Every structure is written in C-alpha cells, then in structure tokens.
Protein backbone atom coordinates (compact mmCIF):
# COMPACT_ATOMS: atom_id res chain seq x y z
CA MET A 1 -0.07 0.04 -0.04
CA ASN A 2 1.29 3.51 -1.06
CA LYS A 3 2.59 5.18 2.23
CA ASN A 4 0.44 8.36 1.43
CA LEU A 5 -2.64 6.58 0.91
CA PHE A 6 -2.07 4.61 4.24
CA CYS A 7 -1.69 8.07 6.02
CA VAL A 8 -4.81 9.29 4.58
CA LEU A 9 -6.56 6.42 5.69
CA VAL A 10 -5.15 6.63 9.21
CA ALA A 11 -6.02 10.18 9.08
CA LEU A 12 -9.68 9.51 8.22
CA VAL A 13 -9.86 6.82 11.23
CA PHE A 14 -8.53 9.39 13.76
CA ALA A 15 -10.93 12.15 12.39
CA ALA A 16 -14.05 9.70 12.99
CA ILE A 17 -12.61 9.58 16.66
CA LEU A 18 -12.18 13.17 17.05
CA LEU A 19 -15.59 13.97 15.53
CA SER A 20 -17.29 11.25 17.83
CA ALA A 21 -15.52 12.85 20.80
CA CYS A 22 -16.10 16.65 20.01
CA GLN A 23 -19.67 16.34 19.01
CA PRO A 24 -22.40 17.08 21.92
CA VAL A 25 -23.98 13.70 21.81
CA GLU A 26 -26.92 14.36 24.19
CA ASN A 27 -28.11 17.26 21.63
CA ASN A 28 -27.79 15.03 18.58
CA TYR A 29 -28.50 11.59 19.64
CA PHE A 30 -32.08 9.92 19.33
CA TYR A 31 -33.10 6.43 18.92
CA PRO A 32 -35.20 6.09 15.82
CA LYS A 33 -38.13 3.94 15.50
CA PRO A 34 -38.54 1.27 12.92
CA PRO A 35 -41.55 1.15 10.72
CA LEU A 36 -43.47 -1.32 12.80
CA ASP A 37 -46.57 -1.20 10.83
CA GLY A 38 -44.84 -2.93 7.93
CA GLU A 39 -46.24 -6.21 7.01
CA GLN A 40 -44.76 -8.97 4.80
CA ASN A 41 -47.00 -9.83 1.64
CA ALA A 42 -47.35 -12.60 -1.05
CA LEU A 43 -44.60 -11.08 -3.03
CA ASP A 44 -42.18 -11.10 0.14
CA ASN A 45 -43.20 -14.88 0.53
CA ARG A 46 -41.94 -15.62 -2.72
CA VAL A 47 -38.92 -13.70 -2.65
CA GLY A 48 -38.10 -15.58 0.55
CA GLY A 49 -38.82 -19.01 -1.15
CA VAL A 50 -36.73 -18.20 -4.01
CA LEU A 51 -33.75 -17.10 -1.89
CA THR A 52 -34.08 -20.21 0.23
CA VAL A 53 -34.06 -22.50 -2.91
CA PHE A 54 -31.17 -20.64 -4.33
CA VAL A 55 -29.07 -20.95 -1.15
CA TRP A 56 -29.78 -24.86 -0.84
CA ILE A 57 -29.00 -25.26 -4.40
CA LEU A 58 -25.42 -23.74 -3.40
CA LEU A 59 -25.38 -25.37 0.03
CA VAL A 60 -25.47 -29.14 -1.41
CA PRO A 61 -22.11 -28.90 -3.55
CA ALA A 62 -20.78 -26.90 -0.36
CA ILE A 63 -21.29 -29.58 2.08
CA TYR A 64 -19.98 -32.16 -0.70
CA PHE A 65 -16.58 -30.06 -0.97
CA ALA A 66 -16.47 -29.69 3.07
CA ALA A 67 -16.72 -33.29 3.48
CA LYS A 68 -14.08 -34.09 0.63
CA ASP A 69 -11.83 -31.62 2.45
CA TRP A 70 -12.37 -33.38 5.70
CA ARG A 71 -11.51 -36.82 4.16
CA LYS A 72 -8.41 -35.36 2.57
CA THR A 73 -6.98 -33.51 5.55
CA GLY A 74 -8.72 -35.43 8.37
CA LYS A 75 -10.00 -32.23 9.81
CA PRO A 76 -13.66 -31.12 9.73
CA ILE A 77 -12.82 -27.53 9.48
CA ALA A 78 -14.63 -26.56 6.40
CA LEU A 79 -17.76 -28.27 7.65
CA PHE A 80 -17.67 -26.71 10.87
CA LEU A 81 -17.04 -23.12 9.04
CA LEU A 82 -20.52 -23.72 7.36
CA ILE A 83 -22.12 -24.34 10.57
CA GLY A 84 -20.52 -21.43 12.22
CA GLY A 85 -21.95 -19.33 9.35
CA ALA A 86 -25.38 -20.02 10.32
CA ILE A 87 -24.58 -19.61 14.14
CA SER A 88 -23.42 -16.00 13.37
CA HIS A 89 -27.13 -15.31 12.75
CA LEU A 90 -27.53 -14.97 16.60
CA ALA A 91 -25.66 -11.52 16.35
CA GLU A 92 -28.27 -10.31 13.93
CA PRO A 93 -30.70 -8.53 16.70
CA PHE A 94 -27.78 -6.59 18.13
CA ASP A 95 -26.97 -5.38 14.74
CA ASP A 96 -30.48 -4.54 13.96
CA LEU A 97 -30.95 -2.48 17.28
CA THR A 98 -27.91 -0.56 16.87
CA MET A 99 -27.76 -0.10 13.07
CA GLY A 100 -31.12 0.36 12.06
CA VAL A 101 -32.46 -2.95 10.43
CA PHE A 102 -36.24 -4.21 10.69
CA PHE A 103 -37.80 -7.30 9.68
CA PRO A 104 -41.57 -6.66 9.59
CA ILE A 105 -44.15 -8.88 11.45
CA ILE A 106 -44.58 -12.30 10.03
CA HIS A 107 -47.99 -13.98 10.31
CA ASP A 108 -48.69 -17.47 11.29
CA GLY A 109 -49.88 -19.88 8.31
CA GLN A 110 -47.09 -18.57 5.84
CA PHE A 111 -44.14 -20.86 4.60
CA PHE A 112 -41.61 -22.24 6.70
CA TRP A 113 -39.13 -19.78 5.52
CA GLN A 114 -40.90 -16.79 6.68
CA LYS A 115 -41.44 -18.22 10.17
CA ILE A 116 -39.84 -16.56 13.27
CA VAL A 117 -37.03 -18.55 14.52
CA PHE A 118 -36.32 -16.16 17.30
CA SER A 119 -37.02 -12.52 18.36
CA LEU A 120 -35.12 -9.99 20.75
CA ALA A 121 -36.60 -6.38 21.59
CA THR A 122 -39.23 -6.71 18.60
CA ARG A 123 -36.30 -7.68 16.16
CA TYR A 124 -38.05 -10.69 14.38
CA GLN A 125 -35.67 -13.04 12.84
CA PRO A 126 -37.14 -14.94 9.86
CA PHE A 127 -36.14 -18.54 8.81
CA TRP A 128 -34.69 -17.46 5.33
CA LEU A 129 -32.23 -15.14 7.06
CA ILE A 130 -30.53 -18.21 8.41
CA PHE A 131 -29.83 -19.47 5.01
CA CYS A 132 -28.46 -16.09 4.00
CA TYR A 133 -25.83 -16.24 6.89
CA THR A 134 -25.05 -19.55 5.79
CA MET A 135 -24.36 -18.35 2.21
CA TYR A 136 -22.41 -15.45 3.01
CA PHE A 137 -20.78 -16.32 6.61
CA GLY A 138 -20.61 -20.01 5.63
CA ILE A 139 -20.29 -20.84 1.82
CA LEU A 140 -18.50 -17.73 0.79
CA MET A 141 -16.25 -17.83 3.81
CA MET A 142 -15.29 -21.50 3.09
CA CYS A 143 -14.35 -20.56 -0.45
CA LEU A 144 -12.20 -17.81 1.15
CA TYR A 145 -10.60 -20.07 3.66
CA PHE A 146 -9.67 -22.44 0.74
CA ALA A 147 -8.09 -19.91 -1.47
CA LEU A 148 -6.03 -18.58 1.42
CA ARG A 149 -5.18 -21.80 2.87
CA LYS A 150 -3.56 -22.72 -0.38
CA GLY A 151 -1.52 -19.53 -0.43
CA ALA A 152 -2.35 -16.37 -1.91
CA SER A 153 -0.48 -13.25 -3.15
CA THR A 154 -1.40 -9.75 -2.01
CA LYS A 155 -3.04 -9.01 -5.44
CA THR A 156 -5.21 -12.36 -4.87
CA MET A 157 -6.13 -11.33 -1.25
CA TRP A 158 -7.35 -8.16 -2.33
CA LEU A 159 -9.38 -9.62 -5.14
CA TRP A 160 -10.85 -11.80 -2.46
CA PHE A 161 -11.97 -8.75 -0.66
CA LEU A 162 -13.72 -7.38 -3.40
CA ILE A 163 -15.63 -10.41 -4.17
CA PRO A 164 -17.82 -10.40 -1.05
CA VAL A 165 -18.26 -6.74 -1.13
CA VAL A 166 -19.82 -7.04 -4.65
CA VAL A 167 -21.77 -10.35 -3.65
CA ASP A 168 -23.15 -8.56 -0.66
CA THR A 169 -24.12 -5.23 -2.46
CA ILE A 170 -25.70 -7.14 -5.41
CA LEU A 171 -27.57 -9.62 -3.03
CA GLU A 172 -29.08 -6.78 -0.77
CA VAL A 173 -29.85 -4.37 -3.57
CA VAL A 174 -31.67 -7.05 -5.39
CA LEU A 175 -33.57 -8.29 -2.39
CA LEU A 176 -34.50 -4.63 -1.22
CA ASN A 177 -35.85 -3.76 -4.84
CA ILE A 178 -37.72 -6.67 -5.73
CA SER A 179 -39.68 -7.23 -2.59
CA ASP A 180 -42.17 -4.89 -0.87
CA HIS A 181 -41.47 -5.37 2.80
CA LEU A 182 -38.85 -8.02 3.17
CA TYR A 183 -36.94 -5.98 5.44
CA TYR A 184 -35.97 -2.35 6.02
CA TYR A 185 -33.12 0.02 6.70
CA TYR A 186 -34.01 3.08 8.79
CA GLY A 187 -32.45 5.83 10.60
CA ASN A 188 -29.68 8.16 9.39
CA GLN A 189 -28.12 5.67 7.09
CA PRO A 190 -24.87 6.57 5.21
CA LEU A 191 -24.01 5.44 1.59
CA LEU A 192 -27.16 4.46 0.40
CA LEU A 193 -27.37 2.66 -2.97
CA GLY A 194 -30.60 1.34 -3.87
CA GLY A 195 -31.86 1.40 -0.23
CA PHE A 196 -28.66 -0.56 0.80
CA PRO A 197 -26.19 1.17 3.17
CA MET A 198 -22.99 0.25 1.48
CA HIS A 199 -20.92 0.37 4.70
CA TRP A 200 -22.37 -2.97 5.51
CA ALA A 201 -20.68 -4.68 2.57
CA ALA A 202 -17.31 -3.58 4.20
CA SER A 203 -18.16 -4.81 7.50
CA ASN A 204 -19.57 -8.29 6.65
CA THR A 205 -16.64 -8.72 4.39
CA LEU A 206 -14.09 -7.81 7.20
CA GLY A 207 -15.81 -10.35 9.43
CA ILE A 208 -15.40 -13.24 7.07
CA TYR A 209 -11.98 -12.19 6.14
CA LEU A 210 -10.88 -11.93 9.83
CA SER A 211 -12.25 -15.33 10.44
CA ALA A 212 -10.57 -16.70 7.29
CA VAL A 213 -7.33 -15.30 8.28
CA VAL A 214 -7.43 -16.62 11.78
CA MET A 215 -8.20 -19.89 10.63
CA VAL A 216 -5.68 -20.43 8.07
CA ILE A 217 -3.23 -19.29 10.86
CA PHE A 218 -4.41 -21.72 13.35
CA THR A 219 -5.46 -24.94 11.11
CA PRO A 220 -1.88 -26.13 11.29
CA LEU A 221 -2.08 -26.38 15.11
CA LEU A 222 -5.72 -27.53 15.42
CA ASN A 223 -6.12 -31.28 15.74
CA GLY A 224 -8.96 -33.65 17.19
CA TRP A 225 -11.45 -31.56 19.57
CA LYS A 226 -9.59 -28.42 18.88
CA THR A 227 -10.92 -28.16 15.26
CA ALA A 228 -14.33 -27.25 17.09
CA PHE A 229 -12.68 -23.63 17.28
CA ALA A 230 -13.86 -23.32 13.72
CA LEU A 231 -17.64 -23.40 15.03
CA VAL A 232 -17.10 -20.14 16.87
CA SER A 233 -14.44 -18.46 14.78
CA THR A 234 -16.79 -16.88 12.38
CA PRO A 235 -19.36 -15.59 14.66
CA LEU A 236 -16.66 -14.12 17.16
CA MET A 237 -14.50 -12.60 14.28
CA TYR A 238 -17.67 -11.20 12.71
CA LEU A 239 -18.63 -9.41 16.04
CA ALA A 240 -15.08 -7.95 16.43
CA ALA A 241 -14.92 -6.91 12.90
CA LEU A 242 -18.47 -5.26 13.34
CA GLY A 243 -17.31 -3.66 16.65
CA LEU A 244 -13.94 -2.49 15.10
CA THR A 245 -15.55 -1.04 11.79
CA SER A 246 -19.03 0.22 12.73
CA ALA A 247 -18.64 2.57 15.75
CA PRO A 248 -18.74 5.74 13.29
CA VAL A 249 -21.88 4.87 11.77
CA ILE A 250 -23.67 3.66 14.81
CA TYR A 251 -23.27 7.38 16.13
CA VAL A 252 -24.80 8.77 12.91
CA ILE A 253 -27.50 6.24 12.36
CA ASN A 254 -29.05 7.30 15.72
CA SER A 255 -28.42 10.72 15.35
CA THR A 256 -29.44 14.05 13.61
CA TYR A 257 -26.02 14.81 12.47
CA PRO A 258 -25.89 16.91 9.05
CA THR A 259 -25.45 14.87 5.86
CA TRP A 260 -21.48 15.47 5.54
CA ALA A 261 -20.89 13.82 8.97
CA VAL A 262 -23.23 10.81 8.14
CA GLN A 263 -21.60 10.09 4.71
CA SER A 264 -18.13 10.52 6.12
CA ALA A 265 -18.87 8.14 8.87
CA GLY A 266 -19.54 5.53 6.12
CA ILE A 267 -16.35 6.32 4.51
CA MET A 268 -14.57 5.92 7.59
CA VAL A 269 -15.87 2.12 7.75
CA PHE A 270 -14.35 1.55 4.15
CA ALA A 271 -11.27 3.37 5.51
CA ILE A 272 -10.77 0.91 8.70
CA SER A 273 -11.61 -2.12 6.54
CA ILE A 274 -8.88 -1.31 4.13
CA LEU A 275 -6.09 -0.68 6.85
CA ALA A 276 -7.22 -4.00 8.34
CA MET A 277 -6.97 -5.84 5.06
CA HIS A 278 -3.59 -4.03 4.71
CA GLY A 279 -2.38 -5.91 8.00
CA PHE A 280 -3.81 -9.43 6.79
CA THR A 281 -1.94 -9.09 3.60
CA LYS A 282 1.20 -8.47 5.47
CA LEU A 283 0.61 -11.28 7.81
CA ILE A 284 -0.06 -14.13 5.42
CA ALA A 285 0.28 -13.25 1.82
CA THR A 286 2.77 -15.40 -0.10
CA ASP A 287 4.93 -12.39 -1.34
CA SER A 288 4.86 -10.66 1.89
CA PRO A 289 8.30 -10.26 3.70
CA TYR A 290 6.51 -10.54 7.03
CA ASN A 291 4.46 -13.77 6.13
CA ILE A 292 4.21 -15.65 9.48
CA MET A 293 2.76 -19.06 7.73
CA PRO A 294 6.37 -20.56 7.32
CA LEU A 295 6.72 -20.19 11.00
CA ILE A 296 3.28 -21.55 12.09
CA LYS A 297 3.73 -24.67 9.91
CA LYS A 298 7.30 -25.41 11.31
CA ALA A 299 5.86 -24.95 14.88
CA ALA A 300 3.16 -27.51 13.84
CA ARG A 301 5.62 -29.90 12.60
CA GLU A 302 7.99 -29.61 15.41
CA LYS A 303 4.75 -30.01 17.69
CA GLY A 304 3.88 -33.16 15.75
CA ALA A 305 7.21 -34.45 15.97
CA GLY A 306 7.51 -34.01 19.62
CA LYS A 307 4.56 -36.33 20.18
CA LYS A 308 6.04 -39.08 18.23
C-alpha cells in the first residue's frame, strides 16, 4: 500500500474518533423507530422462498466439498465453518437494534422460510435469514478459507476482499428492490445505494476475512477436538470486525448529524476495513516479507514430531 494512501486512511480513522469525541452527543442523539406497521405480503413470501431454494442449491455442493476436504485433511474445519456461518445469525438482533435494520411482522400460516426463528426486543428473525447467513458467512467464508489456505499473493487477497463486497451489495440491492417489505434499513443511514447502506458490505466482508485469516493461521495447530474452534471462529470474528468498523456509523444512524458527517462515517468504515486488510496481507500473503505462515507450519511440524 502506498505510504501516502496509508496516512490518509489513518487520518480518516482519527478524524472519526475526534468527531465522535467533540460532538455534543446528548443534543444530537436519538433512537429512531423502525416502521413497525410494515407487514410482509405474498410477494415477500415468494422472494423469501426463491432465496431459500437458491441457497440450498449452493449449499449441497458446499457440503460435498467440505466433506471431501475433511476426508483429505482429516479435519472437519470446512464443515464447521459452514455451521459457524449459520451460528453467526445469533448476532443479527444486536446489529438490527444498533444499526437500524428491521424485519416486519410475520404472520402465522405462511411458508416455513418466513416463520420467526426467534426475536429479541421486537427484532424478528425469519427463517430465510439463517440461509442468507449460511451462504455469506458460511459458503463464501469457506471458499475464502480454501483460497487463503492454499496460499495467496497480495493481489489475490485484495481480489478476494472485493468479491464478498460485490456479492453482498448485489444481493441486498436486489432483495430490497424486488420485494415490498422483506426488510428495511431505517435511521440516518450513510452511503445508500438502492436502499442498501454500503458500509455493511465492508463490515460484513471484514468479518469473514478476519475469520478466514485466523483459521488459516491456526489450522496447522488444530487437531482433534480443537478443530471445534472453527464453529465459533466466524461468529466471534464477525462481531469483532463489526465492532471495529461500525462505531462511526452507529453514532450517525442514531443521530441528527448533518449529511456530511453521516456520509463521512460511512467512508470511515471502508477506511478502517482497508487498513485491516492491509494488515492481513502483511501477515499471510505469499509475497509478503512478514508472512508468518512458514513459522506457523514449522511450529506445527515440531509439535507433531515431539509427540512421536
């Protein structure tokens, strides 16, 4: 990364911190109310059904490749990553409350994919959302893990950062615009594109990327029951990445700050994500002088030799 660009990104991050510290929060902060009167209709049912079928079409070969990798490596890590993607859904109500997301009331008698799985503080979680998490934080995460585990250059790693960003953006823009009330973003949202706040694409991508990097680093050291770490890696890393990147937008979504401050906060999310990605490339990229993977693999071999 160019040094000047690096300095600009760091300056943006510090500007976000100063902006948060200097603004009189008590005068600008409020808790926006979601559109509680919204109800899902027949069109939303069909969209949820198509989405569910689409994810299952992807999930079947994903399970096959995960099982194949288990047989090849003797470690069920890939399969656990798929399950971990679904587990990550448990974080959704907290995201909804702090960052202005709402899934309308779902009536009984609809198809299973529109049933409420659980709810927290009026934040209803439909069944189809589990499949979305499984696709993005499970299937896409597993593909990223395979790519990084095999060894990836800096250029390839940046390409794999862009792929989830594009997938997330296209998926959400399409869902928001072909349905009536499948779900809403509300509040003072920055970087809107077709109703989708684009800062989510950066936060979500950093979440799966952080988990993939952690799993690539630890895979040589995980054996037996320790491979179960892969079940919780994605949920934990997703929450960590969201907390790292989204503080600026949480302030503005629940505020009356002017447009320039709101949009700047969204840009800050991308700046923080790019800085984190720069660090990831330094850690594990095959062409990085600071690549720690040879040391990790050497330690794993020595550990294995010591047990014999």
